[in-house]
Amino acid sequence: MGLESALYIPGKFYRVPCVEAMWKHRVGIYVVIGPKHDDAEIIRFPEQHWHMHAKFAPDWAMTGIHRSGVHDVFSMPIHTHSETRYEEEFEARFIGYRVRKCRREMPVNPFPGRAGWHKELTNHYAEKSLNLKRPVCPHRGVDLSCVPVRNGCITCPLHGLMFDTQTGRVRQPG
């Protein structure tokens, strides 16, 4: 789940971390980015979950738009126990590394600023700096080398922390 993701080229196949889970009422094998975690301490989201890797997400996963106006792949995590508010009962599990096709370039995460907790998350990491040579998000340790630079900024695909590409500092959305 490290810096090799920068090498993911659409149309090619890679050995990537996968979970078997139910997401949007479909049981499948999904490529994940970042570790399984909860976000109880800042975001107040106590359920254990993973985030789907948008470069490997099935095409149907990229078509849904959450009520927040953001692609579902960014706004709806893959829950460890799916009897949460999103899914019926299903026990998700990490199944190791599998060979999967990279389907697209990393889309821009439009999430920053849309959730009430985002400002609190940004403020919590305001004093942190990103190592621009080996960019890893300080929140969950996600490799950001595969994330496109937009408007001088790298946005973490997990929770939308934004980093200035000149200074490495956390940037406020907007």
N, C-alpha and C. Protein backbone atom coordinates (compact mmCIF):
# COMPACT_ATOMS: atom_id res chain seq x y z
N MET A 1 0.82 -1.18 0.00
CA MET A 1 0.00 0.00 0.00
C MET A 1 0.87 1.24 0.00
N GLY A 2 2.07 1.12 -0.50
CA GLY A 2 3.03 2.20 -0.39
C GLY A 2 3.23 2.97 -1.67
N LEU A 3 4.46 3.41 -1.86
CA LEU A 3 4.78 4.33 -2.93
C LEU A 3 4.69 3.72 -4.32
N GLU A 4 4.52 2.42 -4.43
CA GLU A 4 4.39 1.80 -5.73
C GLU A 4 3.14 2.26 -6.48
N SER A 5 2.17 2.82 -5.78
CA SER A 5 0.93 3.21 -6.44
C SER A 5 1.15 4.32 -7.47
N ALA A 6 2.24 5.06 -7.37
CA ALA A 6 2.53 6.09 -8.36
C ALA A 6 2.76 5.46 -9.72
N LEU A 7 3.14 4.19 -9.73
CA LEU A 7 3.43 3.51 -10.98
C LEU A 7 2.20 2.89 -11.62
N TYR A 8 1.06 2.95 -10.99
CA TYR A 8 -0.15 2.34 -11.54
C TYR A 8 -0.58 3.08 -12.80
N ILE A 9 -0.51 2.37 -13.92
CA ILE A 9 -0.84 2.95 -15.21
C ILE A 9 -2.15 2.33 -15.68
N PRO A 10 -3.12 3.15 -16.05
CA PRO A 10 -4.40 2.61 -16.52
C PRO A 10 -4.20 1.60 -17.65
N GLY A 11 -4.94 0.49 -17.55
CA GLY A 11 -4.88 -0.58 -18.54
C GLY A 11 -3.91 -1.70 -18.18
N LYS A 12 -3.04 -1.47 -17.21
CA LYS A 12 -2.07 -2.49 -16.80
C LYS A 12 -2.57 -3.18 -15.53
N PHE A 13 -1.98 -4.34 -15.25
CA PHE A 13 -2.38 -5.15 -14.10
C PHE A 13 -1.32 -5.09 -13.01
N TYR A 14 -1.78 -5.07 -11.74
CA TYR A 14 -0.89 -4.95 -10.59
C TYR A 14 -1.38 -5.83 -9.45
N ARG A 15 -0.43 -6.22 -8.62
CA ARG A 15 -0.75 -6.93 -7.38
C ARG A 15 -1.05 -5.89 -6.31
N VAL A 16 -2.30 -5.86 -5.85
CA VAL A 16 -2.76 -4.79 -4.97
C VAL A 16 -3.55 -5.35 -3.78
N PRO A 17 -3.63 -4.60 -2.67
CA PRO A 17 -4.37 -5.06 -1.49
C PRO A 17 -5.88 -5.08 -1.75
N CYS A 18 -6.52 -6.20 -1.38
CA CYS A 18 -7.94 -6.37 -1.66
C CYS A 18 -8.72 -6.82 -0.43
N VAL A 19 -9.98 -6.45 -0.42
CA VAL A 19 -10.91 -6.92 0.59
C VAL A 19 -12.10 -7.56 -0.13
N GLU A 20 -12.67 -8.57 0.52
CA GLU A 20 -13.95 -9.09 0.06
C GLU A 20 -14.99 -8.41 0.94
N ALA A 21 -15.92 -7.72 0.32
CA ALA A 21 -16.85 -6.91 1.09
C ALA A 21 -18.14 -6.68 0.32
N MET A 22 -19.12 -6.15 1.06
CA MET A 22 -20.33 -5.66 0.42
C MET A 22 -20.23 -4.15 0.39
N TRP A 23 -20.43 -3.60 -0.79
CA TRP A 23 -20.42 -2.15 -0.96
C TRP A 23 -21.56 -1.80 -1.89
N LYS A 24 -22.43 -0.91 -1.47
CA LYS A 24 -23.63 -0.55 -2.23
C LYS A 24 -24.43 -1.80 -2.63
N HIS A 25 -24.58 -2.69 -1.67
CA HIS A 25 -25.38 -3.92 -1.82
C HIS A 25 -24.80 -4.92 -2.82
N ARG A 26 -23.50 -4.81 -3.13
CA ARG A 26 -22.85 -5.75 -4.04
C ARG A 26 -21.65 -6.37 -3.34
N VAL A 27 -21.68 -7.70 -3.23
CA VAL A 27 -20.53 -8.40 -2.67
C VAL A 27 -19.50 -8.53 -3.79
N GLY A 28 -18.26 -8.21 -3.46
CA GLY A 28 -17.21 -8.30 -4.46
C GLY A 28 -15.84 -8.21 -3.83
N ILE A 29 -14.84 -8.25 -4.68
CA ILE A 29 -13.46 -8.05 -4.25
C ILE A 29 -13.07 -6.65 -4.70
N TYR A 30 -12.69 -5.82 -3.73
CA TYR A 30 -12.40 -4.42 -3.99
C TYR A 30 -10.97 -4.09 -3.59
N VAL A 31 -10.31 -3.30 -4.41
CA VAL A 31 -8.96 -2.83 -4.12
C VAL A 31 -9.09 -1.67 -3.14
N VAL A 32 -8.26 -1.67 -2.11
CA VAL A 32 -8.32 -0.62 -1.10
C VAL A 32 -7.03 0.19 -1.08
N ILE A 33 -7.16 1.41 -0.58
CA ILE A 33 -6.02 2.30 -0.42
C ILE A 33 -5.97 2.69 1.05
N GLY A 34 -4.81 2.59 1.64
CA GLY A 34 -4.67 2.92 3.05
C GLY A 34 -5.07 1.76 3.94
N PRO A 35 -4.83 1.89 5.23
CA PRO A 35 -5.12 0.82 6.19
C PRO A 35 -6.59 0.78 6.60
N LYS A 36 -7.00 -0.35 7.17
CA LYS A 36 -8.30 -0.41 7.83
C LYS A 36 -8.19 0.47 9.07
N HIS A 37 -9.21 1.27 9.32
CA HIS A 37 -9.13 2.21 10.44
C HIS A 37 -10.53 2.67 10.84
N ASP A 38 -10.59 3.37 11.95
CA ASP A 38 -11.79 4.11 12.30
C ASP A 38 -11.37 5.57 12.37
N ASP A 39 -12.32 6.44 12.42
CA ASP A 39 -12.03 7.86 12.50
C ASP A 39 -12.74 8.48 13.70
N ALA A 40 -12.71 7.75 14.80
CA ALA A 40 -13.44 8.19 16.00
C ALA A 40 -12.84 9.45 16.62
N GLU A 41 -11.52 9.61 16.57
CA GLU A 41 -10.88 10.68 17.34
C GLU A 41 -11.11 12.08 16.79
N ILE A 42 -11.26 12.26 15.51
CA ILE A 42 -11.45 13.60 14.95
C ILE A 42 -12.80 13.69 14.22
N ILE A 43 -13.06 12.72 13.39
CA ILE A 43 -14.25 12.75 12.55
C ILE A 43 -15.48 12.20 13.29
N ARG A 44 -15.23 11.49 14.38
CA ARG A 44 -16.30 10.87 15.17
C ARG A 44 -17.07 9.82 14.36
N PHE A 45 -16.32 9.03 13.62
CA PHE A 45 -16.87 7.93 12.84
C PHE A 45 -16.22 6.66 13.38
N PRO A 46 -16.86 5.96 14.33
CA PRO A 46 -16.21 4.88 15.06
C PRO A 46 -16.13 3.54 14.34
N GLU A 47 -16.84 3.35 13.22
CA GLU A 47 -16.83 2.06 12.55
C GLU A 47 -15.50 1.81 11.85
N GLN A 48 -14.98 0.59 11.98
CA GLN A 48 -13.79 0.18 11.24
C GLN A 48 -14.14 0.13 9.75
N HIS A 49 -13.23 0.64 8.91
CA HIS A 49 -13.51 0.65 7.48
C HIS A 49 -12.21 0.78 6.67
N TRP A 50 -12.35 0.51 5.37
CA TRP A 50 -11.31 0.75 4.38
C TRP A 50 -11.86 1.76 3.39
N HIS A 51 -10.99 2.29 2.53
CA HIS A 51 -11.42 3.14 1.44
C HIS A 51 -11.07 2.46 0.12
N MET A 52 -12.02 2.46 -0.79
CA MET A 52 -11.80 1.86 -2.10
C MET A 52 -10.78 2.72 -2.87
N HIS A 53 -9.90 2.05 -3.59
CA HIS A 53 -8.91 2.75 -4.42
C HIS A 53 -9.58 3.14 -5.73
N ALA A 54 -9.76 4.42 -5.97
CA ALA A 54 -10.50 4.90 -7.13
C ALA A 54 -9.86 4.50 -8.46
N LYS A 55 -8.54 4.30 -8.48
CA LYS A 55 -7.89 3.90 -9.74
C LYS A 55 -8.28 2.48 -10.15
N PHE A 56 -8.73 1.68 -9.18
CA PHE A 56 -9.08 0.29 -9.44
C PHE A 56 -10.57 0.00 -9.27
N ALA A 57 -11.34 0.98 -8.88
CA ALA A 57 -12.76 0.78 -8.61
C ALA A 57 -13.49 0.34 -9.88
N PRO A 58 -14.47 -0.54 -9.72
CA PRO A 58 -15.26 -0.92 -10.90
C PRO A 58 -15.96 0.31 -11.48
N ASP A 59 -16.21 0.28 -12.76
CA ASP A 59 -16.83 1.44 -13.41
C ASP A 59 -18.14 1.84 -12.75
N TRP A 60 -18.94 0.86 -12.35
CA TRP A 60 -20.24 1.18 -11.72
C TRP A 60 -20.06 1.96 -10.41
N ALA A 61 -18.92 1.75 -9.73
CA ALA A 61 -18.68 2.46 -8.46
C ALA A 61 -18.38 3.93 -8.68
N MET A 62 -18.01 4.30 -9.88
CA MET A 62 -17.66 5.69 -10.17
C MET A 62 -18.86 6.49 -10.68
N THR A 63 -20.01 5.85 -10.80
CA THR A 63 -21.17 6.56 -11.35
C THR A 63 -22.07 7.16 -10.29
N GLY A 64 -22.04 6.62 -9.08
CA GLY A 64 -22.94 7.11 -8.03
C GLY A 64 -22.46 8.41 -7.42
N ILE A 65 -23.41 9.27 -7.12
CA ILE A 65 -23.11 10.53 -6.45
C ILE A 65 -23.82 10.51 -5.10
N HIS A 66 -23.05 10.69 -4.04
CA HIS A 66 -23.57 10.72 -2.67
C HIS A 66 -24.38 12.00 -2.46
N ARG A 67 -25.21 12.03 -1.45
CA ARG A 67 -26.02 13.23 -1.16
C ARG A 67 -25.16 14.46 -0.89
N SER A 68 -23.88 14.25 -0.58
CA SER A 68 -22.97 15.38 -0.37
C SER A 68 -22.50 15.99 -1.69
N GLY A 69 -22.85 15.34 -2.81
CA GLY A 69 -22.42 15.82 -4.12
C GLY A 69 -21.08 15.26 -4.56
N VAL A 70 -20.57 14.25 -3.85
CA VAL A 70 -19.26 13.66 -4.11
C VAL A 70 -19.46 12.23 -4.61
N HIS A 71 -18.56 11.77 -5.50
CA HIS A 71 -18.60 10.37 -5.95
C HIS A 71 -18.68 9.44 -4.74
N ASP A 72 -19.53 8.43 -4.81
CA ASP A 72 -19.66 7.47 -3.72
C ASP A 72 -18.33 6.83 -3.35
N VAL A 73 -17.45 6.61 -4.33
CA VAL A 73 -16.18 5.95 -4.04
C VAL A 73 -15.37 6.74 -3.02
N PHE A 74 -15.57 8.05 -2.95
CA PHE A 74 -14.87 8.87 -1.97
C PHE A 74 -15.65 9.04 -0.67
N SER A 75 -16.97 9.02 -0.75
CA SER A 75 -17.76 9.37 0.43
C SER A 75 -18.32 8.18 1.20
N MET A 76 -18.29 6.98 0.62
CA MET A 76 -18.85 5.81 1.29
C MET A 76 -17.76 4.76 1.49
N PRO A 77 -17.22 4.65 2.70
CA PRO A 77 -16.17 3.66 2.94
C PRO A 77 -16.71 2.24 2.91
N ILE A 78 -15.79 1.29 2.82
CA ILE A 78 -16.12 -0.14 2.90
C ILE A 78 -16.04 -0.53 4.36
N HIS A 79 -17.17 -0.84 4.95
CA HIS A 79 -17.23 -1.16 6.37
C HIS A 79 -16.80 -2.59 6.66
N THR A 80 -16.14 -2.78 7.82
CA THR A 80 -15.75 -4.11 8.26
C THR A 80 -16.99 -4.95 8.53
N HIS A 81 -17.94 -4.38 9.22
CA HIS A 81 -19.21 -5.04 9.49
C HIS A 81 -20.28 -4.23 8.79
N SER A 82 -20.90 -4.80 7.79
CA SER A 82 -21.81 -4.03 6.95
C SER A 82 -23.21 -3.88 7.50
N GLU A 83 -23.44 -4.29 8.75
CA GLU A 83 -24.77 -4.06 9.29
C GLU A 83 -24.91 -2.62 9.79
N THR A 84 -24.04 -1.75 9.27
CA THR A 84 -24.11 -0.33 9.59
C THR A 84 -25.27 0.28 8.83
N ARG A 85 -25.37 1.57 8.88
CA ARG A 85 -26.48 2.26 8.23
C ARG A 85 -26.48 2.11 6.70
N TYR A 86 -25.38 1.67 6.09
CA TYR A 86 -25.30 1.62 4.63
C TYR A 86 -25.66 0.27 4.02
N GLU A 87 -25.39 -0.82 4.71
CA GLU A 87 -25.52 -2.14 4.09
C GLU A 87 -26.20 -3.13 5.01
N GLU A 88 -26.70 -4.22 4.43
CA GLU A 88 -27.19 -5.32 5.24
C GLU A 88 -25.99 -6.07 5.81
N GLU A 89 -26.25 -7.07 6.62
CA GLU A 89 -25.17 -7.74 7.33
C GLU A 89 -24.23 -8.49 6.38
N PHE A 90 -22.95 -8.23 6.53
CA PHE A 90 -21.90 -8.93 5.78
C PHE A 90 -20.58 -8.66 6.48
N GLU A 91 -19.78 -9.67 6.67
CA GLU A 91 -18.48 -9.53 7.33
C GLU A 91 -17.40 -9.33 6.28
N ALA A 92 -16.90 -8.11 6.16
CA ALA A 92 -15.84 -7.82 5.20
C ALA A 92 -14.51 -8.32 5.76
N ARG A 93 -13.59 -8.69 4.86
CA ARG A 93 -12.30 -9.19 5.32
C ARG A 93 -11.21 -8.89 4.30
N PHE A 94 -10.03 -8.65 4.82
CA PHE A 94 -8.85 -8.47 3.97
C PHE A 94 -8.48 -9.83 3.42
N ILE A 95 -8.30 -9.95 2.12
CA ILE A 95 -8.00 -11.25 1.51
C ILE A 95 -6.60 -11.30 0.90
N GLY A 96 -5.80 -10.26 1.14
CA GLY A 96 -4.44 -10.26 0.65
C GLY A 96 -4.29 -9.47 -0.64
N TYR A 97 -3.19 -9.73 -1.31
CA TYR A 97 -2.89 -9.03 -2.55
C TYR A 97 -3.33 -9.87 -3.73
N ARG A 98 -4.03 -9.26 -4.66
CA ARG A 98 -4.53 -9.92 -5.87
C ARG A 98 -4.12 -9.09 -7.08
N VAL A 99 -4.09 -9.74 -8.22
CA VAL A 99 -3.79 -9.04 -9.46
C VAL A 99 -5.08 -8.41 -9.98
N ARG A 100 -5.03 -7.10 -10.17
CA ARG A 100 -6.20 -6.35 -10.62
C ARG A 100 -5.77 -5.30 -11.65
N LYS A 101 -6.69 -4.93 -12.51
CA LYS A 101 -6.44 -3.96 -13.56
C LYS A 101 -6.64 -2.54 -13.04
N CYS A 102 -5.66 -1.68 -13.32
CA CYS A 102 -5.80 -0.25 -13.04
C CYS A 102 -6.74 0.30 -14.13
N ARG A 103 -7.84 0.89 -13.72
CA ARG A 103 -8.88 1.29 -14.66
C ARG A 103 -8.81 2.75 -15.12
N ARG A 104 -8.20 3.61 -14.33
CA ARG A 104 -8.24 5.03 -14.66
C ARG A 104 -7.15 5.77 -13.90
N GLU A 105 -6.90 7.00 -14.31
CA GLU A 105 -6.04 7.89 -13.52
C GLU A 105 -6.78 8.21 -12.23
N MET A 106 -6.05 8.63 -11.22
CA MET A 106 -6.68 8.98 -9.95
C MET A 106 -7.53 10.23 -10.15
N PRO A 107 -8.84 10.11 -9.93
CA PRO A 107 -9.67 11.31 -10.04
C PRO A 107 -9.40 12.26 -8.88
N VAL A 108 -9.75 13.51 -9.06
CA VAL A 108 -9.59 14.49 -7.99
C VAL A 108 -10.67 14.23 -6.95
N ASN A 109 -10.28 14.25 -5.70
CA ASN A 109 -11.23 14.09 -4.61
C ASN A 109 -11.88 15.45 -4.36
N PRO A 110 -13.16 15.57 -4.68
CA PRO A 110 -13.83 16.86 -4.49
C PRO A 110 -14.39 17.05 -3.08
N PHE A 111 -13.98 16.19 -2.15
CA PHE A 111 -14.57 16.15 -0.81
C PHE A 111 -14.24 17.35 0.08
N PRO A 112 -13.04 17.95 0.00
CA PRO A 112 -12.66 18.95 0.97
C PRO A 112 -13.71 20.03 1.20
N GLY A 113 -13.97 20.25 2.47
CA GLY A 113 -14.86 21.31 2.87
C GLY A 113 -16.33 20.97 2.87
N ARG A 114 -16.70 19.83 2.31
CA ARG A 114 -18.13 19.50 2.20
C ARG A 114 -18.69 18.87 3.45
N ALA A 115 -17.86 18.29 4.28
CA ALA A 115 -18.34 17.65 5.50
C ALA A 115 -18.06 18.55 6.69
N GLY A 116 -18.95 18.51 7.66
CA GLY A 116 -18.78 19.35 8.84
C GLY A 116 -17.50 19.08 9.61
N TRP A 117 -17.03 17.83 9.58
CA TRP A 117 -15.83 17.46 10.32
C TRP A 117 -14.55 17.86 9.60
N HIS A 118 -14.64 18.25 8.32
CA HIS A 118 -13.43 18.48 7.54
C HIS A 118 -12.58 19.63 8.09
N LYS A 119 -13.20 20.70 8.54
CA LYS A 119 -12.44 21.83 9.09
C LYS A 119 -11.69 21.40 10.35
N GLU A 120 -12.34 20.60 11.18
CA GLU A 120 -11.69 20.10 12.40
C GLU A 120 -10.48 19.23 12.05
N LEU A 121 -10.62 18.37 11.04
CA LEU A 121 -9.51 17.52 10.59
C LEU A 121 -8.36 18.38 10.06
N THR A 122 -8.70 19.36 9.24
CA THR A 122 -7.69 20.26 8.68
C THR A 122 -6.96 21.01 9.79
N ASN A 123 -7.69 21.53 10.75
CA ASN A 123 -7.07 22.25 11.87
C ASN A 123 -6.17 21.34 12.70
N HIS A 124 -6.58 20.08 12.89
CA HIS A 124 -5.79 19.14 13.67
C HIS A 124 -4.41 18.91 13.05
N TYR A 125 -4.34 18.91 11.72
CA TYR A 125 -3.08 18.65 11.03
C TYR A 125 -2.42 19.92 10.48
N ALA A 126 -2.89 21.08 10.88
CA ALA A 126 -2.40 22.35 10.34
C ALA A 126 -0.90 22.55 10.53
N GLU A 127 -0.32 21.99 11.58
CA GLU A 127 1.11 22.16 11.85
C GLU A 127 1.97 21.07 11.21
N LYS A 128 1.33 20.11 10.55
CA LYS A 128 2.08 19.02 9.91
C LYS A 128 2.52 19.45 8.52
N SER A 129 3.64 18.89 8.07
CA SER A 129 4.13 19.13 6.71
C SER A 129 4.27 17.81 5.98
N LEU A 130 4.00 17.86 4.71
CA LEU A 130 4.13 16.71 3.84
C LEU A 130 5.56 16.68 3.29
N ASN A 131 6.20 15.51 3.33
CA ASN A 131 7.49 15.34 2.69
C ASN A 131 7.21 15.25 1.19
N LEU A 132 7.58 16.26 0.44
CA LEU A 132 7.22 16.33 -0.97
C LEU A 132 7.96 15.31 -1.83
N LYS A 133 9.07 14.76 -1.36
CA LYS A 133 9.79 13.74 -2.12
C LYS A 133 9.14 12.37 -1.94
N ARG A 134 8.57 12.10 -0.78
CA ARG A 134 7.87 10.86 -0.48
C ARG A 134 6.55 11.22 0.22
N PRO A 135 5.58 11.72 -0.55
CA PRO A 135 4.36 12.26 0.07
C PRO A 135 3.45 11.18 0.67
N VAL A 136 3.32 11.24 1.98
CA VAL A 136 2.46 10.32 2.73
C VAL A 136 1.59 11.17 3.65
N CYS A 137 0.29 10.96 3.59
CA CYS A 137 -0.63 11.75 4.42
C CYS A 137 -0.39 11.46 5.90
N PRO A 138 -0.27 12.49 6.72
CA PRO A 138 -0.03 12.27 8.15
C PRO A 138 -1.24 11.69 8.89
N HIS A 139 -2.43 11.77 8.31
CA HIS A 139 -3.63 11.29 9.00
C HIS A 139 -3.68 9.76 9.06
N ARG A 140 -3.54 9.08 7.93
CA ARG A 140 -3.61 7.61 7.90
C ARG A 140 -2.46 6.96 7.15
N GLY A 141 -1.44 7.74 6.83
CA GLY A 141 -0.25 7.16 6.20
C GLY A 141 -0.44 6.73 4.76
N VAL A 142 -1.37 7.33 4.05
CA VAL A 142 -1.64 6.96 2.67
C VAL A 142 -0.63 7.60 1.73
N ASP A 143 -0.12 6.79 0.80
CA ASP A 143 0.79 7.26 -0.23
C ASP A 143 0.05 8.23 -1.13
N LEU A 144 0.58 9.42 -1.31
CA LEU A 144 -0.05 10.44 -2.14
C LEU A 144 0.67 10.66 -3.47
N SER A 145 1.65 9.80 -3.76
CA SER A 145 2.42 10.00 -4.99
C SER A 145 1.61 9.73 -6.25
N CYS A 146 0.49 9.01 -6.13
CA CYS A 146 -0.35 8.73 -7.30
C CYS A 146 -1.49 9.73 -7.45
N VAL A 147 -1.56 10.69 -6.56
CA VAL A 147 -2.67 11.65 -6.57
C VAL A 147 -2.30 12.83 -7.47
N PRO A 148 -3.21 13.22 -8.36
CA PRO A 148 -2.89 14.33 -9.25
C PRO A 148 -2.76 15.65 -8.51
N VAL A 149 -1.88 16.49 -9.01
CA VAL A 149 -1.73 17.84 -8.47
C VAL A 149 -2.72 18.73 -9.21
N ARG A 150 -3.54 19.44 -8.46
CA ARG A 150 -4.51 20.35 -9.04
C ARG A 150 -4.40 21.69 -8.31
N ASN A 151 -4.23 22.75 -9.07
CA ASN A 151 -4.14 24.09 -8.48
C ASN A 151 -3.07 24.18 -7.40
N GLY A 152 -1.93 23.53 -7.64
CA GLY A 152 -0.82 23.58 -6.68
C GLY A 152 -1.08 22.82 -5.40
N CYS A 153 -1.96 21.82 -5.46
CA CYS A 153 -2.39 21.13 -4.26
C CYS A 153 -2.54 19.63 -4.52
N ILE A 154 -2.19 18.82 -3.51
CA ILE A 154 -2.45 17.38 -3.52
C ILE A 154 -3.54 17.14 -2.47
N THR A 155 -4.59 16.42 -2.86
CA THR A 155 -5.70 16.14 -1.94
C THR A 155 -5.74 14.65 -1.64
N CYS A 156 -5.66 14.29 -0.36
CA CYS A 156 -5.69 12.88 0.04
C CYS A 156 -7.03 12.27 -0.34
N PRO A 157 -7.02 11.09 -1.00
CA PRO A 157 -8.27 10.47 -1.42
C PRO A 157 -9.08 9.87 -0.28
N LEU A 158 -8.52 9.76 0.91
CA LEU A 158 -9.29 9.16 2.00
C LEU A 158 -10.21 10.17 2.67
N HIS A 159 -9.69 11.26 3.15
CA HIS A 159 -10.49 12.20 3.93
C HIS A 159 -10.39 13.64 3.44
N GLY A 160 -9.69 13.85 2.33
CA GLY A 160 -9.68 15.17 1.71
C GLY A 160 -8.72 16.19 2.28
N LEU A 161 -7.72 15.76 3.07
CA LEU A 161 -6.71 16.73 3.51
C LEU A 161 -5.97 17.23 2.28
N MET A 162 -5.78 18.53 2.22
CA MET A 162 -5.14 19.16 1.08
C MET A 162 -3.76 19.68 1.49
N PHE A 163 -2.77 19.48 0.59
CA PHE A 163 -1.40 19.90 0.87
C PHE A 163 -0.88 20.76 -0.26
N ASP A 164 -0.26 21.88 0.10
CA ASP A 164 0.36 22.77 -0.86
C ASP A 164 1.60 22.09 -1.42
N THR A 165 1.74 22.04 -2.75
CA THR A 165 2.88 21.34 -3.37
C THR A 165 4.18 22.12 -3.31
N GLN A 166 4.13 23.39 -2.95
CA GLN A 166 5.36 24.18 -2.79
C GLN A 166 5.92 24.07 -1.40
N THR A 167 5.05 24.09 -0.40
CA THR A 167 5.49 24.14 1.00
C THR A 167 5.29 22.82 1.75
N GLY A 168 4.37 21.99 1.26
CA GLY A 168 4.03 20.76 1.97
C GLY A 168 3.05 20.97 3.10
N ARG A 169 2.66 22.19 3.38
CA ARG A 169 1.76 22.52 4.48
C ARG A 169 0.32 22.18 4.12
N VAL A 170 -0.47 21.89 5.17
CA VAL A 170 -1.90 21.66 4.99
C VAL A 170 -2.54 22.96 4.52
N ARG A 171 -3.41 22.82 3.55
CA ARG A 171 -4.10 23.97 3.00
C ARG A 171 -5.59 23.89 3.34
N GLN A 172 -6.16 25.01 3.70
CA GLN A 172 -7.61 25.07 3.96
C GLN A 172 -8.34 25.01 2.63
N PRO A 173 -9.47 24.29 2.57
CA PRO A 173 -10.23 24.25 1.31
C PRO A 173 -10.83 25.62 0.99
N GLY A 174 -11.05 25.81 -0.31
CA GLY A 174 -11.74 27.04 -0.72
C GLY A 174 -10.87 28.10 -1.24
